[in-house]
């Protein structure tokens, strides 16, 4: 029997397996950051096991979600996670290489594109021994340029592209987005605490957007005592934000 864990009481449910990544903070933060409220169609590039797709579908119950995932096992878990949350009727997961996006999806057919891509250039450091982990960590199957190119193809004029990445590649990210015709419009740094350097960045760009970048207040994951920050409690519906006042964790 397959088991699913709730992200919070009565909230989205996810299958956890030894072979797949555990639920990551990165995707949860990106789902909160991405503006899907006005997006009729959303594309998840490299959808993995479907955490981001499920959370975005929950955030906007009328949006249609399409995910592209190259690893067959992950694509199947993604479908099962969507089904477990009653979302299979408005979500489609394509098991394919996103670099073949021109054959997979129509041009300018999405309002929002999101991605939690591999963070590290191939052979830039430690490589995970498991092939599926290496592919998710390193740019083995797709590069940052591939991701931005696919986003440009998929987005309507004025559509938004949101991704989570590493701060050390921020200059490269901005240049690659701009080269693809997606103007960076919003940036938020994520740090473990107020005395730590950022370890993640949340970025939003607009296809065909005008120049001008808004830098938002940083997001701290913990307070000065190592507890969840108020914003993390809001995102995960813990503490005062939890249903019935009780928080749950995976």
C-alpha atoms as a PDB file:
ATOM      1  CA  UNK A   1       0.000   0.000   0.000  1.00  0.00           C
ATOM      2  CA  UNK A   2       1.324   3.408  -0.945  1.00  0.00           C
ATOM      3  CA  UNK A   3       1.610   5.989   1.800  1.00  0.00           C
ATOM      4  CA  UNK A   4       1.234   9.741   1.456  1.00  0.00           C
ATOM      5  CA  UNK A   5       2.215  12.396   3.993  1.00  0.00           C
ATOM      6  CA  UNK A   6       0.401  15.699   4.447  1.00  0.00           C
ATOM      7  CA  UNK A   7       2.442  18.891   4.205  1.00  0.00           C
ATOM      8  CA  UNK A   8       0.092  20.328   6.830  1.00  0.00           C
ATOM      9  CA  UNK A   9      -3.103  19.054   8.406  1.00  0.00           C
ATOM     10  CA  UNK A  10      -5.693  18.723   5.658  1.00  0.00           C
ATOM     11  CA  UNK A  11      -3.226  20.088   3.085  1.00  0.00           C
ATOM     12  CA  UNK A  12      -1.484  18.651   0.009  1.00  0.00           C
ATOM     13  CA  UNK A  13      -0.310  15.034   0.248  1.00  0.00           C
ATOM     14  CA  UNK A  14       2.912  13.632  -1.171  1.00  0.00           C
ATOM     15  CA  UNK A  15       4.397  10.186  -1.665  1.00  0.00           C
ATOM     16  CA  UNK A  16       7.832   9.823  -0.099  1.00  0.00           C
ATOM     17  CA  UNK A  17      10.177   7.132  -1.434  1.00  0.00           C
ATOM     18  CA  UNK A  18      13.810   6.199  -0.882  1.00  0.00           C
ATOM     19  CA  UNK A  19      14.504   6.629  -4.608  1.00  0.00           C
ATOM     20  CA  UNK A  20      13.044  10.135  -4.921  1.00  0.00           C
ATOM     21  CA  UNK A  21      14.002  13.358  -3.237  1.00  0.00           C
ATOM     22  CA  UNK A  22      12.255  14.187  -0.001  1.00  0.00           C
ATOM     23  CA  UNK A  23      10.023  17.227  -0.037  1.00  0.00           C
ATOM     24  CA  UNK A  24      12.372  20.192  -0.425  1.00  0.00           C
ATOM     25  CA  UNK A  25      12.062  23.654   1.017  1.00  0.00           C
ATOM     26  CA  UNK A  26      13.090  25.054  -2.380  1.00  0.00           C
ATOM     27  CA  UNK A  27       9.910  23.982  -4.181  1.00  0.00           C
ATOM     28  CA  UNK A  28       7.669  25.041  -1.297  1.00  0.00           C
ATOM     29  CA  UNK A  29       9.210  28.523  -1.249  1.00  0.00           C
ATOM     30  CA  UNK A  30       8.974  28.837  -5.035  1.00  0.00           C
ATOM     31  CA  UNK A  31       5.294  27.843  -4.980  1.00  0.00           C
ATOM     32  CA  UNK A  32       4.656  30.594  -2.434  1.00  0.00           C
ATOM     33  CA  UNK A  33       6.701  33.141  -4.438  1.00  0.00           C
ATOM     34  CA  UNK A  34       5.245  32.423  -7.890  1.00  0.00           C
ATOM     35  CA  UNK A  35       2.214  34.488  -8.873  1.00  0.00           C
ATOM     36  CA  UNK A  36      -0.265  31.961 -10.228  1.00  0.00           C
ATOM     37  CA  UNK A  37      -3.397  33.873  -9.220  1.00  0.00           C
ATOM     38  CA  UNK A  38      -4.006  35.150 -12.776  1.00  0.00           C
ATOM     39  CA  UNK A  39      -2.424  32.252 -14.663  1.00  0.00           C
ATOM     40  CA  UNK A  40      -4.868  30.119 -16.613  1.00  0.00           C
ATOM     41  CA  UNK A  41      -2.083  27.769 -17.735  1.00  0.00           C
ATOM     42  CA  UNK A  42       1.153  27.005 -15.895  1.00  0.00           C
ATOM     43  CA  UNK A  43       4.144  24.972 -17.110  1.00  0.00           C
ATOM     44  CA  UNK A  44       6.502  23.245 -14.648  1.00  0.00           C
ATOM     45  CA  UNK A  45       9.871  22.594 -16.322  1.00  0.00           C
ATOM     46  CA  UNK A  46      11.559  19.577 -14.737  1.00  0.00           C
ATOM     47  CA  UNK A  47       8.587  18.747 -12.542  1.00  0.00           C
ATOM     48  CA  UNK A  48      10.340  15.946 -10.636  1.00  0.00           C
ATOM     49  CA  UNK A  49       7.923  14.184  -8.298  1.00  0.00           C
ATOM     50  CA  UNK A  50       5.368  16.967  -8.599  1.00  0.00           C
ATOM     51  CA  UNK A  51       5.761  18.989  -5.405  1.00  0.00           C
ATOM     52  CA  UNK A  52       5.710  22.318  -7.210  1.00  0.00           C
ATOM     53  CA  UNK A  53       2.918  21.262  -9.578  1.00  0.00           C
ATOM     54  CA  UNK A  54       0.686  20.126  -6.693  1.00  0.00           C
ATOM     55  CA  UNK A  55       1.303  23.232  -4.594  1.00  0.00           C
ATOM     56  CA  UNK A  56       0.596  25.576  -7.505  1.00  0.00           C
ATOM     57  CA  UNK A  57      -2.555  23.662  -8.420  1.00  0.00           C
ATOM     58  CA  UNK A  58      -3.690  24.006  -4.807  1.00  0.00           C
ATOM     59  CA  UNK A  59      -2.884  27.719  -4.806  1.00  0.00           C
ATOM     60  CA  UNK A  60      -5.106  28.353  -7.840  1.00  0.00           C
ATOM     61  CA  UNK A  61      -7.866  25.732  -8.200  1.00  0.00           C
ATOM     62  CA  UNK A  62      -8.781  26.849 -11.721  1.00  0.00           C
ATOM     63  CA  UNK A  63      -5.302  26.827 -13.280  1.00  0.00           C
ATOM     64  CA  UNK A  64      -4.314  24.098 -15.725  1.00  0.00           C
ATOM     65  CA  UNK A  65      -0.901  22.606 -14.921  1.00  0.00           C
ATOM     66  CA  UNK A  66       1.474  20.926 -17.365  1.00  0.00           C
ATOM     67  CA  UNK A  67       4.742  19.377 -16.210  1.00  0.00           C
ATOM     68  CA  UNK A  68       7.688  18.075 -18.219  1.00  0.00           C
ATOM     69  CA  UNK A  69       9.914  15.483 -16.514  1.00  0.00           C
ATOM     70  CA  UNK A  70      12.621  13.404 -18.197  1.00  0.00           C
ATOM     71  CA  UNK A  71      12.912  10.634 -15.578  1.00  0.00           C
ATOM     72  CA  UNK A  72      10.089   8.063 -16.002  1.00  0.00           C
ATOM     73  CA  UNK A  73       9.919   7.048 -12.329  1.00  0.00           C
ATOM     74  CA  UNK A  74       9.653  10.666 -11.195  1.00  0.00           C
ATOM     75  CA  UNK A  75       7.012  11.432 -13.822  1.00  0.00           C
ATOM     76  CA  UNK A  76       4.898   8.517 -12.543  1.00  0.00           C
ATOM     77  CA  UNK A  77       5.244   9.633  -8.906  1.00  0.00           C
ATOM     78  CA  UNK A  78       4.261  13.130 -10.036  1.00  0.00           C
ATOM     79  CA  UNK A  79       1.068  11.732 -11.579  1.00  0.00           C
ATOM     80  CA  UNK A  80       0.328   9.759  -8.411  1.00  0.00           C
ATOM     81  CA  UNK A  81       0.841  12.827  -6.228  1.00  0.00           C
ATOM     82  CA  UNK A  82      -1.544  14.811  -8.405  1.00  0.00           C
ATOM     83  CA  UNK A  83      -4.100  12.002  -8.271  1.00  0.00           C
ATOM     84  CA  UNK A  84      -3.764  11.719  -4.485  1.00  0.00           C
ATOM     85  CA  UNK A  85      -4.738  15.391  -4.275  1.00  0.00           C
ATOM     86  CA  UNK A  86      -7.623  15.090  -6.740  1.00  0.00           C
ATOM     87  CA  UNK A  87      -5.831  17.200  -9.362  1.00  0.00           C
ATOM     88  CA  UNK A  88      -5.306  14.708 -12.194  1.00  0.00           C
ATOM     89  CA  UNK A  89      -8.237  16.138 -14.154  1.00  0.00           C
ATOM     90  CA  UNK A  90      -6.531  19.483 -14.704  1.00  0.00           C
ATOM     91  CA  UNK A  91      -2.879  18.455 -14.810  1.00  0.00           C
ATOM     92  CA  UNK A  92      -0.783  16.698 -17.445  1.00  0.00           C
ATOM     93  CA  UNK A  93       2.703  15.303 -16.912  1.00  0.00           C
ATOM     94  CA  UNK A  94       4.792  14.751 -20.034  1.00  0.00           C
ATOM     95  CA  UNK A  95       7.621  12.230 -19.650  1.00  0.00           C
ATOM     96  CA  UNK A  96      10.125  13.765 -22.061  1.00  0.00           C
ATOM     97  CA  UNK A  97      13.242  15.891 -22.440  1.00  0.00           C
ATOM     98  CA  UNK A  98      12.376  19.578 -21.968  1.00  0.00           C
ATOM     99  CA  UNK A  99      15.040  20.406 -24.546  1.00  0.00           C
ATOM    100  CA  UNK A 100      12.518  19.021 -27.063  1.00  0.00           C
ATOM    101  CA  UNK A 101       9.951  21.618 -25.945  1.00  0.00           C
ATOM    102  CA  UNK A 102       9.145  22.750 -29.493  1.00  0.00           C
ATOM    103  CA  UNK A 103       7.780  19.268 -30.204  1.00  0.00           C
ATOM    104  CA  UNK A 104       5.970  18.937 -26.877  1.00  0.00           C
ATOM    105  CA  UNK A 105       4.033  22.160 -26.345  1.00  0.00           C
ATOM    106  CA  UNK A 106       2.649  24.997 -28.445  1.00  0.00           C
ATOM    107  CA  UNK A 107       4.498  28.314 -28.564  1.00  0.00           C
ATOM    108  CA  UNK A 108       3.196  31.167 -26.402  1.00  0.00           C
ATOM    109  CA  UNK A 109       0.576  28.932 -24.776  1.00  0.00           C
ATOM    110  CA  UNK A 110       1.296  29.533 -21.062  1.00  0.00           C
ATOM    111  CA  UNK A 111       0.768  32.455 -18.674  1.00  0.00           C
ATOM    112  CA  UNK A 112       3.309  31.224 -16.127  1.00  0.00           C
ATOM    113  CA  UNK A 113       6.389  28.990 -16.312  1.00  0.00           C
ATOM    114  CA  UNK A 114       8.127  27.750 -13.157  1.00  0.00           C
ATOM    115  CA  UNK A 115      11.254  25.703 -12.556  1.00  0.00           C
ATOM    116  CA  UNK A 116      13.321  24.283  -9.718  1.00  0.00           C
ATOM    117  CA  UNK A 117      16.246  23.361 -12.007  1.00  0.00           C
ATOM    118  CA  UNK A 118      19.610  21.673 -11.381  1.00  0.00           C
ATOM    119  CA  UNK A 119      21.729  24.216  -9.522  1.00  0.00           C
ATOM    120  CA  UNK A 120      25.239  23.257 -10.584  1.00  0.00           C
ATOM    121  CA  UNK A 121      27.013  23.174 -13.924  1.00  0.00           C
ATOM    122  CA  UNK A 122      28.110  19.660 -14.861  1.00  0.00           C
ATOM    123  CA  UNK A 123      31.532  18.685 -13.458  1.00  0.00           C
ATOM    124  CA  UNK A 124      31.641  21.812 -11.308  1.00  0.00           C
ATOM    125  CA  UNK A 125      32.126  19.852  -8.071  1.00  0.00           C
ATOM    126  CA  UNK A 126      30.813  16.851  -6.171  1.00  0.00           C
ATOM    127  CA  UNK A 127      28.634  14.519  -8.229  1.00  0.00           C
ATOM    128  CA  UNK A 128      25.947  12.442  -6.525  1.00  0.00           C
ATOM    129  CA  UNK A 129      26.568   8.683  -6.937  1.00  0.00           C
ATOM    130  CA  UNK A 130      22.935   7.902  -7.781  1.00  0.00           C
ATOM    131  CA  UNK A 131      22.159   8.835 -11.389  1.00  0.00           C
ATOM    132  CA  UNK A 132      18.746  10.310 -10.636  1.00  0.00           C
ATOM    133  CA  UNK A 133      20.195  12.526  -7.889  1.00  0.00           C
ATOM    134  CA  UNK A 134      23.054  13.668 -10.109  1.00  0.00           C
ATOM    135  CA  UNK A 135      20.582  14.599 -12.855  1.00  0.00           C
ATOM    136  CA  UNK A 136      18.519  16.669 -10.418  1.00  0.00           C
ATOM    137  CA  UNK A 137      21.591  18.337  -8.876  1.00  0.00           C
ATOM    138  CA  UNK A 138      23.764  18.930 -11.955  1.00  0.00           C
ATOM    139  CA  UNK A 139      23.046  20.196 -15.461  1.00  0.00           C
ATOM    140  CA  UNK A 140      23.447  16.746 -17.027  1.00  0.00           C
ATOM    141  CA  UNK A 141      20.191  16.731 -19.005  1.00  0.00           C
ATOM    142  CA  UNK A 142      19.555  20.460 -19.358  1.00  0.00           C
ATOM    143  CA  UNK A 143      21.374  23.720 -18.726  1.00  0.00           C
ATOM    144  CA  UNK A 144      20.186  27.076 -17.459  1.00  0.00           C
ATOM    145  CA  UNK A 145      20.129  28.251 -21.081  1.00  0.00           C
ATOM    146  CA  UNK A 146      17.905  25.290 -22.010  1.00  0.00           C
ATOM    147  CA  UNK A 147      15.478  26.155 -19.199  1.00  0.00           C
ATOM    148  CA  UNK A 148      15.259  29.825 -20.193  1.00  0.00           C
ATOM    149  CA  UNK A 149      14.887  28.925 -23.867  1.00  0.00           C
ATOM    150  CA  UNK A 150      12.003  26.582 -23.085  1.00  0.00           C
ATOM    151  CA  UNK A 151      10.389  29.251 -20.896  1.00  0.00           C
ATOM    152  CA  UNK A 152      10.600  31.802 -23.714  1.00  0.00           C
ATOM    153  CA  UNK A 153       9.006  29.363 -26.178  1.00  0.00           C
ATOM    154  CA  UNK A 154       6.165  28.506 -23.798  1.00  0.00           C
ATOM    155  CA  UNK A 155       5.304  31.986 -22.491  1.00  0.00           C
ATOM    156  CA  UNK A 156       2.815  34.342 -24.052  1.00  0.00           C
ATOM    157  CA  UNK A 157       4.004  37.933 -24.443  1.00  0.00           C
ATOM    158  CA  UNK A 158       3.913  39.432 -20.943  1.00  0.00           C
ATOM    159  CA  UNK A 159       3.861  36.001 -19.281  1.00  0.00           C
ATOM    160  CA  UNK A 160       5.899  35.352 -16.143  1.00  0.00           C
ATOM    161  CA  UNK A 161       8.816  32.989 -15.441  1.00  0.00           C
ATOM    162  CA  UNK A 162       9.657  32.101 -11.818  1.00  0.00           C
ATOM    163  CA  UNK A 163      12.531  29.949 -10.609  1.00  0.00           C
ATOM    164  CA  UNK A 164      14.575  29.133  -7.526  1.00  0.00           C
ATOM    165  CA  UNK A 165      18.353  28.896  -7.792  1.00  0.00           C
ATOM    166  CA  UNK A 166      21.696  29.538  -6.095  1.00  0.00           C
ATOM    167  CA  UNK A 167      22.936  33.082  -5.417  1.00  0.00           C
ATOM    168  CA  UNK A 168      26.427  32.432  -6.784  1.00  0.00           C
ATOM    169  CA  UNK A 169      24.943  32.063 -10.272  1.00  0.00           C
ATOM    170  CA  UNK A 170      22.791  35.170 -10.082  1.00  0.00           C
ATOM    171  CA  UNK A 171      24.733  37.156 -12.699  1.00  0.00           C
ATOM    172  CA  UNK A 172      24.562  34.224 -15.118  1.00  0.00           C
ATOM    173  CA  UNK A 173      20.848  33.783 -14.445  1.00  0.00           C
ATOM    174  CA  UNK A 174      20.072  37.433 -15.194  1.00  0.00           C
ATOM    175  CA  UNK A 175      22.147  37.409 -18.397  1.00  0.00           C
ATOM    176  CA  UNK A 176      20.615  34.144 -19.614  1.00  0.00           C
ATOM    177  CA  UNK A 177      17.066  35.298 -18.910  1.00  0.00           C
ATOM    178  CA  UNK A 178      17.683  38.602 -20.675  1.00  0.00           C
ATOM    179  CA  UNK A 179      19.218  36.838 -23.684  1.00  0.00           C
ATOM    180  CA  UNK A 180      16.033  34.756 -23.885  1.00  0.00           C
ATOM    181  CA  UNK A 181      13.861  37.876 -23.934  1.00  0.00           C
ATOM    182  CA  UNK A 182      12.723  37.466 -20.316  1.00  0.00           C
ATOM    183  CA  UNK A 183      13.428  40.570 -18.243  1.00  0.00           C
ATOM    184  CA  UNK A 184      14.167  39.956 -14.526  1.00  0.00           C
ATOM    185  CA  UNK A 185      11.529  41.882 -12.563  1.00  0.00           C
ATOM    186  CA  UNK A 186      11.530  40.566  -8.996  1.00  0.00           C
ATOM    187  CA  UNK A 187      14.232  39.125  -6.735  1.00  0.00           C
ATOM    188  CA  UNK A 188      14.126  37.727  -3.211  1.00  0.00           C
ATOM    189  CA  UNK A 189      17.087  36.331  -1.294  1.00  0.00           C
ATOM    190  CA  UNK A 190      16.589  33.411   1.107  1.00  0.00           C
ATOM    191  CA  UNK A 191      18.796  32.884   4.167  1.00  0.00           C
ATOM    192  CA  UNK A 192      18.713  30.432   7.043  1.00  0.00           C
ATOM    193  CA  UNK A 193      18.821  33.359   9.486  1.00  0.00           C
ATOM    194  CA  UNK A 194      19.509  37.101   9.537  1.00  0.00           C
ATOM    195  CA  UNK A 195      23.212  36.550  10.306  1.00  0.00           C
ATOM    196  CA  UNK A 196      23.782  34.085   7.447  1.00  0.00           C
ATOM    197  CA  UNK A 197      24.528  34.787   3.785  1.00  0.00           C
ATOM    198  CA  UNK A 198      21.774  33.879   1.287  1.00  0.00           C
ATOM    199  CA  UNK A 199      21.791  30.278   0.103  1.00  0.00           C
ATOM    200  CA  UNK A 200      18.839  30.534  -2.315  1.00  0.00           C
ATOM    201  CA  UNK A 201      17.356  33.144  -4.621  1.00  0.00           C
ATOM    202  CA  UNK A 202      13.789  33.434  -5.901  1.00  0.00           C
ATOM    203  CA  UNK A 203      13.551  35.203  -9.251  1.00  0.00           C
ATOM    204  CA  UNK A 204      10.635  36.305 -11.413  1.00  0.00           C
ATOM    205  CA  UNK A 205      10.918  37.609 -14.966  1.00  0.00           C
ATOM    206  CA  UNK A 206       8.481  38.812 -17.580  1.00  0.00           C
ATOM    207  CA  UNK A 207       8.678  37.899 -21.255  1.00  0.00           C
ATOM    208  CA  UNK A 208       9.070  41.189 -23.120  1.00  0.00           C
ATOM    209  CA  UNK A 209       9.145  43.126 -19.851  1.00  0.00           C
ATOM    210  CA  UNK A 210      10.596  46.617 -19.445  1.00  0.00           C
ATOM    211  CA  UNK A 211      13.803  47.291 -17.541  1.00  0.00           C
ATOM    212  CA  UNK A 212      13.492  47.557 -13.777  1.00  0.00           C
ATOM    213  CA  UNK A 213      14.140  45.059 -10.985  1.00  0.00           C
ATOM    214  CA  UNK A 214      12.306  45.035  -7.650  1.00  0.00           C
ATOM    215  CA  UNK A 215      14.388  43.622  -4.791  1.00  0.00           C
ATOM    216  CA  UNK A 216      12.107  42.361  -2.038  1.00  0.00           C
ATOM    217  CA  UNK A 217      12.878  42.040   1.658  1.00  0.00           C
ATOM    218  CA  UNK A 218      14.927  38.906   2.378  1.00  0.00           C
ATOM    219  CA  UNK A 219      13.230  35.740   3.563  1.00  0.00           C
ATOM    220  CA  UNK A 220      14.710  34.265   6.736  1.00  0.00           C
ATOM    221  CA  UNK A 221      13.889  30.638   7.482  1.00  0.00           C
ATOM    222  CA  UNK A 222      14.487  30.898  11.230  1.00  0.00           C
ATOM    223  CA  UNK A 223      14.325  33.533  13.947  1.00  0.00           C
ATOM    224  CA  UNK A 224      17.175  34.454  16.283  1.00  0.00           C
ATOM    225  CA  UNK A 225      16.566  31.313  18.361  1.00  0.00           C
ATOM    226  CA  UNK A 226      16.629  28.744  15.578  1.00  0.00           C
ATOM    227  CA  UNK A 227      12.839  28.380  15.427  1.00  0.00           C
ATOM    228  CA  UNK A 228      10.759  28.696  12.261  1.00  0.00           C
ATOM    229  CA  UNK A 229      10.365  32.340  11.284  1.00  0.00           C
ATOM    230  CA  UNK A 230       6.876  33.810  11.206  1.00  0.00           C
ATOM    231  CA  UNK A 231       6.910  33.718   7.398  1.00  0.00           C
ATOM    232  CA  UNK A 232       7.935  30.061   7.264  1.00  0.00           C
ATOM    233  CA  UNK A 233       5.116  29.277   9.695  1.00  0.00           C
ATOM    234  CA  UNK A 234       2.730  31.063   7.335  1.00  0.00           C
ATOM    235  CA  UNK A 235       4.012  29.208   4.267  1.00  0.00           C
ATOM    236  CA  UNK A 236       3.896  25.800   5.965  1.00  0.00           C
ATOM    237  CA  UNK A 237       0.770  26.610   7.979  1.00  0.00           C
ATOM    238  CA  UNK A 238       2.429  25.963  11.305  1.00  0.00           C
ATOM    239  CA  UNK A 239       2.012  27.571  14.716  1.00  0.00           C
ATOM    240  CA  UNK A 240      -0.614  30.313  14.679  1.00  0.00           C
ATOM    241  CA  UNK A 241      -1.217  29.668  10.945  1.00  0.00           C
ATOM    242  CA  UNK A 242      -1.926  25.936  11.322  1.00  0.00           C
ATOM    243  CA  UNK A 243      -5.428  24.517  10.907  1.00  0.00           C
ATOM    244  CA  UNK A 244      -6.917  24.134  14.411  1.00  0.00           C
ATOM    245  CA  UNK A 245      -3.731  25.707  15.777  1.00  0.00           C
ATOM    246  CA  UNK A 246      -1.661  22.552  15.278  1.00  0.00           C
ATOM    247  CA  UNK A 247       1.317  22.418  12.884  1.00  0.00           C
ATOM    248  CA  UNK A 248       2.548  19.272  11.193  1.00  0.00           C
ATOM    249  CA  UNK A 249       5.798  18.457   9.423  1.00  0.00           C
ATOM    250  CA  UNK A 250       6.877  15.778   6.982  1.00  0.00           C
END
